[in-house]
Amino acid sequence: MWDEPYLETCCRSTLHRLLLCADVGRPEGLKDQPCLERLEAMGFVHHRPDGRYVLTEAGKERHRTEIAPRR
């Protein structure tokens, strides 16, 4: 885990919201846009042509290892 990129609290929240949105995804232009762009640059999020962001398999795994155990 120490060799993985650090996720700010806001980005972890965005990652969780993306998981909750499932295949519907999150639209562009929301307050978490900077986090969506950061997560996309890390490979955890895919920006679809329809303007919505969805989790990649890497994003789902990161959620499973970093966010889900905290519940």
Protein backbone atom coordinates (compact mmCIF):
# COMPACT_ATOMS: atom_id res chain seq x y z
CA MET A 1 0.00 0.00 0.00
CA TRP A 2 2.89 2.37 0.66
CA ASP A 3 3.90 2.34 -2.99
CA GLU A 4 0.42 3.44 -4.17
CA PRO A 5 -0.37 7.10 -4.86
CA TYR A 6 -1.86 8.91 -1.87
CA LEU A 7 -5.55 9.80 -2.13
CA GLU A 8 -6.73 12.96 -0.41
CA THR A 9 -9.89 12.66 1.68
CA CYS A 10 -11.91 14.44 -1.00
CA CYS A 11 -10.69 12.01 -3.65
CA ARG A 12 -11.54 9.01 -1.48
CA SER A 13 -15.06 10.42 -1.08
CA THR A 14 -15.34 10.90 -4.83
CA LEU A 15 -14.15 7.33 -5.41
CA HIS A 16 -16.89 6.09 -3.06
CA ARG A 17 -19.56 8.20 -4.77
CA LEU A 18 -18.48 6.74 -8.11
CA LEU A 19 -18.91 3.24 -6.73
CA LEU A 20 -22.42 4.12 -5.56
CA CYS A 21 -23.28 5.53 -9.01
CA ALA A 22 -22.24 2.25 -10.68
CA ASP A 23 -22.61 2.27 -14.48
CA VAL A 24 -24.66 5.47 -14.49
CA GLY A 25 -21.52 7.40 -13.55
CA ARG A 26 -21.09 10.98 -12.36
CA PRO A 27 -21.54 13.91 -14.72
CA GLU A 28 -18.99 16.61 -15.47
CA GLY A 29 -19.15 19.98 -13.77
CA LEU A 30 -19.85 18.96 -10.19
CA LYS A 31 -17.88 20.28 -7.21
CA ASP A 32 -15.73 17.14 -7.22
CA GLN A 33 -14.54 17.75 -10.80
CA PRO A 34 -10.90 18.28 -9.72
CA CYS A 35 -10.98 14.94 -7.89
CA LEU A 36 -12.55 13.20 -10.89
CA GLU A 37 -9.75 14.54 -13.09
CA ARG A 38 -7.10 13.50 -10.54
CA LEU A 39 -8.57 10.01 -10.28
CA GLU A 40 -8.71 9.75 -14.06
CA ALA A 41 -5.02 10.68 -14.29
CA MET A 42 -4.26 7.89 -11.79
CA GLY A 43 -6.21 5.36 -13.87
CA PHE A 44 -9.00 4.83 -11.33
CA VAL A 45 -11.69 6.56 -13.38
CA HIS A 46 -12.72 6.57 -17.04
CA HIS A 47 -14.29 9.66 -18.66
CA ARG A 48 -16.86 8.38 -21.14
CA PRO A 49 -17.76 10.18 -24.38
CA ASP A 50 -21.19 11.00 -22.91
CA GLY A 51 -19.45 13.21 -20.32
CA ARG A 52 -19.84 10.90 -17.33
CA TYR A 53 -17.13 9.38 -15.15
CA VAL A 54 -17.17 5.73 -14.11
CA LEU A 55 -14.79 3.54 -12.10
CA THR A 56 -12.22 1.38 -13.84
CA GLU A 57 -11.28 -2.04 -12.52
CA ALA A 58 -8.26 -0.40 -10.85
CA GLY A 59 -10.63 2.10 -9.19
CA LYS A 60 -12.86 -0.67 -7.90
CA GLU A 61 -9.84 -2.48 -6.49
CA ARG A 62 -8.54 0.70 -4.83
CA HIS A 63 -11.97 1.24 -3.26
CA ARG A 64 -12.00 -2.36 -2.04
CA THR A 65 -8.57 -2.10 -0.42
CA GLU A 66 -8.63 1.45 0.92
CA ILE A 67 -12.21 2.53 1.51
CA ALA A 68 -14.33 -0.58 2.05
CA PRO A 69 -12.27 -1.90 5.02
CA ARG A 70 -12.97 1.34 6.94
CA ARG A 71 -16.70 0.69 7.08
